[in-house]
């Protein structure tokens, strides 16, 4: 049997890695999705959807399905999944890798306001603007529900989870978005402050360029730290090199 590799997916990098591995007959790859999006982008190779039942359940799945290596390529803010994955890999006695694209960094002309959490992101908004473009995803928006005097434009792939701020307009859309797209949204909705997570990567970066060009402040939610024992690479090519070093492809 060829080596069996499990990718915890949901990101562009996970799709790129799955496509590269599925084209290699010397390995067998399964990509697991959390199932939070009802219409995920199609993936190459075998897929599964749903949780594992915590680190113990994932460790059992790794053993039963004879997985030889695990690659966590989930969202940079999916800290619990990453922690569980590394613990499960230790229990199953297989190597594990975390694939994390680099975060964003401000450039000249940016007016960034870094905060550690979504709750902290709500605090500076009344002093920064009155029309907020909220691009942090559909979860955790209760952090802004008490801001009754602000207008929010919330963009997400699927309808967000309530409670929401009382003055909320929904924009259901899936990226990537071009710079022209982002400038159109900011101008059409008269946005004067942007809120985003430091997701990193190029697919969602044009909104930062658009905010810079229009002179808008940006509240940036910083990434949670990775577990100290995490071995990391920044892209799919790094993950392939790691597998080569382990002689798993």
C-alpha atoms as a PDB file:
ATOM      1  CA  UNK A   1       0.000   0.000   0.000  1.00  0.00           C
ATOM      2  CA  UNK A   2       1.294   3.520  -0.772  1.00  0.00           C
ATOM      3  CA  UNK A   3       1.764   5.894   2.163  1.00  0.00           C
ATOM      4  CA  UNK A   4      -1.537   7.406   3.344  1.00  0.00           C
ATOM      5  CA  UNK A   5      -1.477  11.150   4.050  1.00  0.00           C
ATOM      6  CA  UNK A   6      -4.222  13.084   5.837  1.00  0.00           C
ATOM      7  CA  UNK A   7      -4.645  16.801   5.118  1.00  0.00           C
ATOM      8  CA  UNK A   8      -6.836  18.879   7.402  1.00  0.00           C
ATOM      9  CA  UNK A   9      -8.067  21.336   4.801  1.00  0.00           C
ATOM     10  CA  UNK A  10     -10.286  24.289   4.077  1.00  0.00           C
ATOM     11  CA  UNK A  11      -7.657  26.686   2.716  1.00  0.00           C
ATOM     12  CA  UNK A  12      -6.179  27.518  -0.673  1.00  0.00           C
ATOM     13  CA  UNK A  13      -2.900  25.938   0.397  1.00  0.00           C
ATOM     14  CA  UNK A  14      -4.677  22.720   1.354  1.00  0.00           C
ATOM     15  CA  UNK A  15      -6.269  22.530  -2.100  1.00  0.00           C
ATOM     16  CA  UNK A  16      -2.911  23.131  -3.784  1.00  0.00           C
ATOM     17  CA  UNK A  17      -1.261  20.424  -1.699  1.00  0.00           C
ATOM     18  CA  UNK A  18      -4.085  17.933  -2.295  1.00  0.00           C
ATOM     19  CA  UNK A  19      -3.883  18.532  -6.052  1.00  0.00           C
ATOM     20  CA  UNK A  20      -0.110  17.980  -6.085  1.00  0.00           C
ATOM     21  CA  UNK A  21      -0.344  14.785  -4.054  1.00  0.00           C
ATOM     22  CA  UNK A  22      -3.338  13.375  -5.922  1.00  0.00           C
ATOM     23  CA  UNK A  23      -1.262  13.544  -9.103  1.00  0.00           C
ATOM     24  CA  UNK A  24       1.399  11.336  -7.484  1.00  0.00           C
ATOM     25  CA  UNK A  25       0.590   7.611  -7.754  1.00  0.00           C
ATOM     26  CA  UNK A  26       3.154   6.856  -5.048  1.00  0.00           C
ATOM     27  CA  UNK A  27       0.925   8.265  -2.284  1.00  0.00           C
ATOM     28  CA  UNK A  28      -2.700   8.130  -1.156  1.00  0.00           C
ATOM     29  CA  UNK A  29      -4.178  11.379   0.151  1.00  0.00           C
ATOM     30  CA  UNK A  30      -7.357  12.178   2.067  1.00  0.00           C
ATOM     31  CA  UNK A  31      -8.466  15.748   2.760  1.00  0.00           C
ATOM     32  CA  UNK A  32     -10.749  16.349   5.739  1.00  0.00           C
ATOM     33  CA  UNK A  33     -13.070  19.376   5.894  1.00  0.00           C
ATOM     34  CA  UNK A  34     -14.731  20.629   9.058  1.00  0.00           C
ATOM     35  CA  UNK A  35     -18.097  20.983   7.308  1.00  0.00           C
ATOM     36  CA  UNK A  36     -18.786  24.582   8.326  1.00  0.00           C
ATOM     37  CA  UNK A  37     -19.328  25.610   4.689  1.00  0.00           C
ATOM     38  CA  UNK A  38     -22.198  23.838   2.923  1.00  0.00           C
ATOM     39  CA  UNK A  39     -20.772  24.371  -0.589  1.00  0.00           C
ATOM     40  CA  UNK A  40     -16.977  24.044  -0.305  1.00  0.00           C
ATOM     41  CA  UNK A  41     -14.684  24.565  -3.273  1.00  0.00           C
ATOM     42  CA  UNK A  42     -14.190  21.190  -5.026  1.00  0.00           C
ATOM     43  CA  UNK A  43     -11.059  19.268  -4.037  1.00  0.00           C
ATOM     44  CA  UNK A  44      -8.803  16.833  -5.861  1.00  0.00           C
ATOM     45  CA  UNK A  45      -8.579  13.343  -4.376  1.00  0.00           C
ATOM     46  CA  UNK A  46     -10.483  11.653  -1.552  1.00  0.00           C
ATOM     47  CA  UNK A  47     -12.350  13.829   0.949  1.00  0.00           C
ATOM     48  CA  UNK A  48     -14.237  13.440   4.203  1.00  0.00           C
ATOM     49  CA  UNK A  49     -16.394  15.976   6.052  1.00  0.00           C
ATOM     50  CA  UNK A  50     -17.033  16.520   9.753  1.00  0.00           C
ATOM     51  CA  UNK A  51     -15.226  16.347  13.056  1.00  0.00           C
ATOM     52  CA  UNK A  52     -13.362  13.431  14.566  1.00  0.00           C
ATOM     53  CA  UNK A  53     -14.509  13.711  18.175  1.00  0.00           C
ATOM     54  CA  UNK A  54     -11.511  15.532  19.618  1.00  0.00           C
ATOM     55  CA  UNK A  55      -7.874  14.450  19.665  1.00  0.00           C
ATOM     56  CA  UNK A  56      -8.671  10.920  20.869  1.00  0.00           C
ATOM     57  CA  UNK A  57     -11.152  10.387  18.043  1.00  0.00           C
ATOM     58  CA  UNK A  58      -8.702  11.718  15.493  1.00  0.00           C
ATOM     59  CA  UNK A  59      -5.926   9.484  16.854  1.00  0.00           C
ATOM     60  CA  UNK A  60      -8.235   6.485  16.452  1.00  0.00           C
ATOM     61  CA  UNK A  61      -9.049   7.524  12.868  1.00  0.00           C
ATOM     62  CA  UNK A  62      -5.351   7.824  12.072  1.00  0.00           C
ATOM     63  CA  UNK A  63      -4.706   4.315  13.353  1.00  0.00           C
ATOM     64  CA  UNK A  64      -7.734   2.663  11.744  1.00  0.00           C
ATOM     65  CA  UNK A  65      -7.014   4.222   8.353  1.00  0.00           C
ATOM     66  CA  UNK A  66      -3.278   3.566   8.565  1.00  0.00           C
ATOM     67  CA  UNK A  67      -2.288   7.203   8.114  1.00  0.00           C
ATOM     68  CA  UNK A  68       1.469   7.703   7.799  1.00  0.00           C
ATOM     69  CA  UNK A  69       1.607  11.499   8.203  1.00  0.00           C
ATOM     70  CA  UNK A  70      -0.757  14.361   9.049  1.00  0.00           C
ATOM     71  CA  UNK A  71      -0.637  17.878   7.606  1.00  0.00           C
ATOM     72  CA  UNK A  72      -2.748  20.561   9.256  1.00  0.00           C
ATOM     73  CA  UNK A  73      -3.519  23.121   6.547  1.00  0.00           C
ATOM     74  CA  UNK A  74      -6.510  24.702   8.277  1.00  0.00           C
ATOM     75  CA  UNK A  75      -7.213  28.418   8.708  1.00  0.00           C
ATOM     76  CA  UNK A  76      -4.643  30.390  10.762  1.00  0.00           C
ATOM     77  CA  UNK A  77      -7.365  31.075  13.351  1.00  0.00           C
ATOM     78  CA  UNK A  78      -8.347  27.399  13.793  1.00  0.00           C
ATOM     79  CA  UNK A  79      -6.128  27.033  16.860  1.00  0.00           C
ATOM     80  CA  UNK A  80      -8.236  24.326  18.552  1.00  0.00           C
ATOM     81  CA  UNK A  81      -8.111  22.105  15.460  1.00  0.00           C
ATOM     82  CA  UNK A  82      -4.350  22.550  15.209  1.00  0.00           C
ATOM     83  CA  UNK A  83      -3.814  21.747  18.882  1.00  0.00           C
ATOM     84  CA  UNK A  84      -6.004  18.644  18.620  1.00  0.00           C
ATOM     85  CA  UNK A  85      -4.255  17.512  15.432  1.00  0.00           C
ATOM     86  CA  UNK A  86      -0.791  17.690  16.953  1.00  0.00           C
ATOM     87  CA  UNK A  87      -1.943  15.855  20.071  1.00  0.00           C
ATOM     88  CA  UNK A  88      -3.602  13.135  17.974  1.00  0.00           C
ATOM     89  CA  UNK A  89      -0.485  12.680  15.851  1.00  0.00           C
ATOM     90  CA  UNK A  90       1.610  12.217  19.003  1.00  0.00           C
ATOM     91  CA  UNK A  91      -0.843   9.621  20.302  1.00  0.00           C
ATOM     92  CA  UNK A  92      -0.840   7.783  16.956  1.00  0.00           C
ATOM     93  CA  UNK A  93       2.962   8.091  16.760  1.00  0.00           C
ATOM     94  CA  UNK A  94       3.042   9.624  13.285  1.00  0.00           C
ATOM     95  CA  UNK A  95       4.778  12.809  12.059  1.00  0.00           C
ATOM     96  CA  UNK A  96       2.719  16.003  11.824  1.00  0.00           C
ATOM     97  CA  UNK A  97       3.219  19.309  10.062  1.00  0.00           C
ATOM     98  CA  UNK A  98       1.421  22.662  10.209  1.00  0.00           C
ATOM     99  CA  UNK A  99       1.087  24.492   6.884  1.00  0.00           C
ATOM    100  CA  UNK A 100       0.506  28.192   7.609  1.00  0.00           C
ATOM    101  CA  UNK A 101       0.762  30.937   5.046  1.00  0.00           C
ATOM    102  CA  UNK A 102       2.643  34.012   6.317  1.00  0.00           C
ATOM    103  CA  UNK A 103       0.669  36.775   7.966  1.00  0.00           C
ATOM    104  CA  UNK A 104       0.280  40.319   6.680  1.00  0.00           C
ATOM    105  CA  UNK A 105       2.474  43.251   7.639  1.00  0.00           C
ATOM    106  CA  UNK A 106       1.658  46.967   7.361  1.00  0.00           C
ATOM    107  CA  UNK A 107       3.316  49.004   4.645  1.00  0.00           C
ATOM    108  CA  UNK A 108       3.836  52.784   4.345  1.00  0.00           C
ATOM    109  CA  UNK A 109       0.470  54.488   4.197  1.00  0.00           C
ATOM    110  CA  UNK A 110      -1.383  51.861   6.225  1.00  0.00           C
ATOM    111  CA  UNK A 111      -3.354  52.926   9.296  1.00  0.00           C
ATOM    112  CA  UNK A 112      -3.568  49.636  11.183  1.00  0.00           C
ATOM    113  CA  UNK A 113      -4.919  49.094  14.678  1.00  0.00           C
ATOM    114  CA  UNK A 114      -3.855  45.603  15.855  1.00  0.00           C
ATOM    115  CA  UNK A 115      -5.980  43.857  18.485  1.00  0.00           C
ATOM    116  CA  UNK A 116      -5.726  40.372  20.014  1.00  0.00           C
ATOM    117  CA  UNK A 117      -9.365  39.219  19.688  1.00  0.00           C
ATOM    118  CA  UNK A 118     -12.685  39.964  18.020  1.00  0.00           C
ATOM    119  CA  UNK A 119     -13.977  41.325  21.315  1.00  0.00           C
ATOM    120  CA  UNK A 120     -11.060  43.738  21.438  1.00  0.00           C
ATOM    121  CA  UNK A 121     -11.738  44.735  17.819  1.00  0.00           C
ATOM    122  CA  UNK A 122     -15.098  46.228  18.808  1.00  0.00           C
ATOM    123  CA  UNK A 123     -13.647  48.685  21.338  1.00  0.00           C
ATOM    124  CA  UNK A 124     -11.901  51.209  19.010  1.00  0.00           C
ATOM    125  CA  UNK A 125     -14.583  51.298  16.305  1.00  0.00           C
ATOM    126  CA  UNK A 126     -16.722  54.213  17.571  1.00  0.00           C
ATOM    127  CA  UNK A 127     -13.639  56.449  17.508  1.00  0.00           C
ATOM    128  CA  UNK A 128     -12.562  55.309  14.044  1.00  0.00           C
ATOM    129  CA  UNK A 129     -15.736  55.485  11.963  1.00  0.00           C
ATOM    130  CA  UNK A 130     -19.458  54.906  11.689  1.00  0.00           C
ATOM    131  CA  UNK A 131     -19.743  52.627   8.654  1.00  0.00           C
ATOM    132  CA  UNK A 132     -17.823  49.404   9.263  1.00  0.00           C
ATOM    133  CA  UNK A 133     -16.844  46.759   6.698  1.00  0.00           C
ATOM    134  CA  UNK A 134     -16.637  43.564   8.746  1.00  0.00           C
ATOM    135  CA  UNK A 135     -14.706  40.784   6.964  1.00  0.00           C
ATOM    136  CA  UNK A 136     -13.919  38.404   9.831  1.00  0.00           C
ATOM    137  CA  UNK A 137     -16.199  35.566   8.732  1.00  0.00           C
ATOM    138  CA  UNK A 138     -19.617  34.470   9.912  1.00  0.00           C
ATOM    139  CA  UNK A 139     -18.687  33.383  13.456  1.00  0.00           C
ATOM    140  CA  UNK A 140     -18.087  35.494  16.520  1.00  0.00           C
ATOM    141  CA  UNK A 141     -19.992  38.568  15.361  1.00  0.00           C
ATOM    142  CA  UNK A 142     -21.752  38.801  18.733  1.00  0.00           C
ATOM    143  CA  UNK A 143     -18.632  40.736  19.787  1.00  0.00           C
ATOM    144  CA  UNK A 144     -20.053  43.717  17.847  1.00  0.00           C
ATOM    145  CA  UNK A 145     -23.729  43.322  18.763  1.00  0.00           C
ATOM    146  CA  UNK A 146     -23.689  46.054  21.392  1.00  0.00           C
ATOM    147  CA  UNK A 147     -22.524  48.741  18.942  1.00  0.00           C
ATOM    148  CA  UNK A 148     -25.972  50.136  18.238  1.00  0.00           C
ATOM    149  CA  UNK A 149     -24.820  53.453  16.760  1.00  0.00           C
ATOM    150  CA  UNK A 150     -22.696  51.959  13.968  1.00  0.00           C
ATOM    151  CA  UNK A 151     -23.672  50.555  10.581  1.00  0.00           C
ATOM    152  CA  UNK A 152     -22.048  47.231   9.642  1.00  0.00           C
ATOM    153  CA  UNK A 153     -21.544  45.692   6.227  1.00  0.00           C
ATOM    154  CA  UNK A 154     -20.832  42.011   6.934  1.00  0.00           C
ATOM    155  CA  UNK A 155     -19.297  39.924   4.150  1.00  0.00           C
ATOM    156  CA  UNK A 156     -19.199  36.140   4.426  1.00  0.00           C
ATOM    157  CA  UNK A 157     -19.652  33.064   2.253  1.00  0.00           C
ATOM    158  CA  UNK A 158     -22.747  31.989   4.189  1.00  0.00           C
ATOM    159  CA  UNK A 159     -25.169  33.833   6.501  1.00  0.00           C
ATOM    160  CA  UNK A 160     -23.508  34.742   9.811  1.00  0.00           C
ATOM    161  CA  UNK A 161     -24.471  33.338  13.165  1.00  0.00           C
ATOM    162  CA  UNK A 162     -26.560  35.702  15.356  1.00  0.00           C
ATOM    163  CA  UNK A 163     -26.612  37.796  17.418  1.00  0.00           C
ATOM    164  CA  UNK A 164     -25.549  40.570  15.068  1.00  0.00           C
ATOM    165  CA  UNK A 165     -25.343  44.348  15.464  1.00  0.00           C
ATOM    166  CA  UNK A 166     -28.796  45.929  15.043  1.00  0.00           C
ATOM    167  CA  UNK A 167     -27.748  47.880  11.939  1.00  0.00           C
ATOM    168  CA  UNK A 168     -26.274  45.126   9.765  1.00  0.00           C
ATOM    169  CA  UNK A 169     -26.280  44.692   6.003  1.00  0.00           C
ATOM    170  CA  UNK A 170     -25.198  41.288   4.644  1.00  0.00           C
ATOM    171  CA  UNK A 171     -23.018  40.785   1.597  1.00  0.00           C
ATOM    172  CA  UNK A 172     -22.872  37.060   0.778  1.00  0.00           C
ATOM    173  CA  UNK A 173     -19.916  36.477  -1.537  1.00  0.00           C
ATOM    174  CA  UNK A 174     -16.999  34.128  -2.029  1.00  0.00           C
ATOM    175  CA  UNK A 175     -13.555  35.453  -2.939  1.00  0.00           C
ATOM    176  CA  UNK A 176     -11.025  35.977  -4.234  1.00  0.00           C
ATOM    177  CA  UNK A 177     -11.775  39.659  -4.782  1.00  0.00           C
ATOM    178  CA  UNK A 178      -9.776  42.019  -6.967  1.00  0.00           C
ATOM    179  CA  UNK A 179      -8.604  45.464  -5.941  1.00  0.00           C
ATOM    180  CA  UNK A 180     -11.273  46.953  -8.198  1.00  0.00           C
ATOM    181  CA  UNK A 181     -13.904  44.804  -6.444  1.00  0.00           C
ATOM    182  CA  UNK A 182     -12.822  46.013  -3.026  1.00  0.00           C
ATOM    183  CA  UNK A 183     -12.653  49.659  -4.024  1.00  0.00           C
ATOM    184  CA  UNK A 184     -16.171  49.402  -5.454  1.00  0.00           C
ATOM    185  CA  UNK A 185     -17.512  47.911  -2.204  1.00  0.00           C
ATOM    186  CA  UNK A 186     -15.832  50.491   0.013  1.00  0.00           C
ATOM    187  CA  UNK A 187     -17.047  53.393  -2.100  1.00  0.00           C
ATOM    188  CA  UNK A 188     -20.552  52.110  -2.795  1.00  0.00           C
ATOM    189  CA  UNK A 189     -21.234  51.481   0.901  1.00  0.00           C
ATOM    190  CA  UNK A 190     -19.395  54.617   2.092  1.00  0.00           C
ATOM    191  CA  UNK A 191     -17.205  52.546   4.396  1.00  0.00           C
ATOM    192  CA  UNK A 192     -14.917  54.481   6.744  1.00  0.00           C
ATOM    193  CA  UNK A 193     -13.296  51.627   8.735  1.00  0.00           C
ATOM    194  CA  UNK A 194     -12.361  48.030   7.880  1.00  0.00           C
ATOM    195  CA  UNK A 195     -12.162  45.100  10.326  1.00  0.00           C
ATOM    196  CA  UNK A 196     -10.303  41.952   9.309  1.00  0.00           C
ATOM    197  CA  UNK A 197      -8.431  38.984  10.696  1.00  0.00           C
ATOM    198  CA  UNK A 198      -4.767  38.508   9.834  1.00  0.00           C
ATOM    199  CA  UNK A 199      -5.522  35.583   7.561  1.00  0.00           C
ATOM    200  CA  UNK A 200      -2.499  36.261   5.355  1.00  0.00           C
ATOM    201  CA  UNK A 201      -2.104  35.266   1.740  1.00  0.00           C
ATOM    202  CA  UNK A 202      -2.906  37.070  -1.467  1.00  0.00           C
ATOM    203  CA  UNK A 203      -6.530  36.030  -2.005  1.00  0.00           C
ATOM    204  CA  UNK A 204      -7.973  38.465   0.549  1.00  0.00           C
ATOM    205  CA  UNK A 205      -5.184  41.054   0.629  1.00  0.00           C
ATOM    206  CA  UNK A 206      -6.701  43.485  -1.958  1.00  0.00           C
ATOM    207  CA  UNK A 207      -9.060  44.879   0.700  1.00  0.00           C
ATOM    208  CA  UNK A 208      -5.992  46.100   2.604  1.00  0.00           C
ATOM    209  CA  UNK A 209      -4.653  47.820  -0.501  1.00  0.00           C
ATOM    210  CA  UNK A 210      -8.052  49.374  -1.123  1.00  0.00           C
ATOM    211  CA  UNK A 211      -8.220  50.682   2.447  1.00  0.00           C
ATOM    212  CA  UNK A 212      -4.725  52.143   2.072  1.00  0.00           C
ATOM    213  CA  UNK A 213      -5.610  53.893  -1.182  1.00  0.00           C
ATOM    214  CA  UNK A 214      -8.731  55.418   0.380  1.00  0.00           C
ATOM    215  CA  UNK A 215      -6.966  56.347   3.630  1.00  0.00           C
ATOM    216  CA  UNK A 216      -9.193  54.149   5.804  1.00  0.00           C
ATOM    217  CA  UNK A 217      -8.207  52.782   9.216  1.00  0.00           C
ATOM    218  CA  UNK A 218      -8.031  48.991   9.519  1.00  0.00           C
ATOM    219  CA  UNK A 219      -8.605  47.059  12.740  1.00  0.00           C
ATOM    220  CA  UNK A 220      -6.552  43.858  12.389  1.00  0.00           C
ATOM    221  CA  UNK A 221      -7.221  40.870  14.659  1.00  0.00           C
ATOM    222  CA  UNK A 222      -3.876  39.196  15.302  1.00  0.00           C
ATOM    223  CA  UNK A 223      -3.393  35.461  14.874  1.00  0.00           C
ATOM    224  CA  UNK A 224      -3.455  33.147  17.868  1.00  0.00           C
ATOM    225  CA  UNK A 225      -0.012  31.668  18.541  1.00  0.00           C
ATOM    226  CA  UNK A 226       0.797  28.193  17.300  1.00  0.00           C
ATOM    227  CA  UNK A 227       1.619  25.440  19.783  1.00  0.00           C
ATOM    228  CA  UNK A 228       5.295  25.613  20.725  1.00  0.00           C
ATOM    229  CA  UNK A 229       6.031  22.141  19.371  1.00  0.00           C
ATOM    230  CA  UNK A 230       4.508  22.796  15.943  1.00  0.00           C
ATOM    231  CA  UNK A 231       6.718  22.183  12.923  1.00  0.00           C
ATOM    232  CA  UNK A 232       5.613  24.678  10.274  1.00  0.00           C
ATOM    233  CA  UNK A 233       6.036  25.498   6.590  1.00  0.00           C
ATOM    234  CA  UNK A 234       4.600  28.494   4.713  1.00  0.00           C
ATOM    235  CA  UNK A 235       3.279  26.823   1.565  1.00  0.00           C
ATOM    236  CA  UNK A 236       2.463  23.614  -0.281  1.00  0.00           C
ATOM    237  CA  UNK A 237       5.982  23.341  -1.688  1.00  0.00           C
ATOM    238  CA  UNK A 238       7.347  23.323   1.850  1.00  0.00           C
ATOM    239  CA  UNK A 239       4.955  20.516   2.775  1.00  0.00           C
ATOM    240  CA  UNK A 240       6.061  18.480  -0.249  1.00  0.00           C
ATOM    241  CA  UNK A 241       9.706  18.955   0.727  1.00  0.00           C
ATOM    242  CA  UNK A 242       8.875  17.769   4.270  1.00  0.00           C
ATOM    243  CA  UNK A 243       7.253  14.629   2.878  1.00  0.00           C
ATOM    244  CA  UNK A 244      10.289  14.032   0.652  1.00  0.00           C
ATOM    245  CA  UNK A 245      12.573  14.282   3.665  1.00  0.00           C
ATOM    246  CA  UNK A 246      10.470  11.626   5.398  1.00  0.00           C
ATOM    247  CA  UNK A 247      10.582   9.498   2.249  1.00  0.00           C
ATOM    248  CA  UNK A 248       6.810   9.394   2.108  1.00  0.00           C
ATOM    249  CA  UNK A 249       6.546  10.101  -1.612  1.00  0.00           C
END
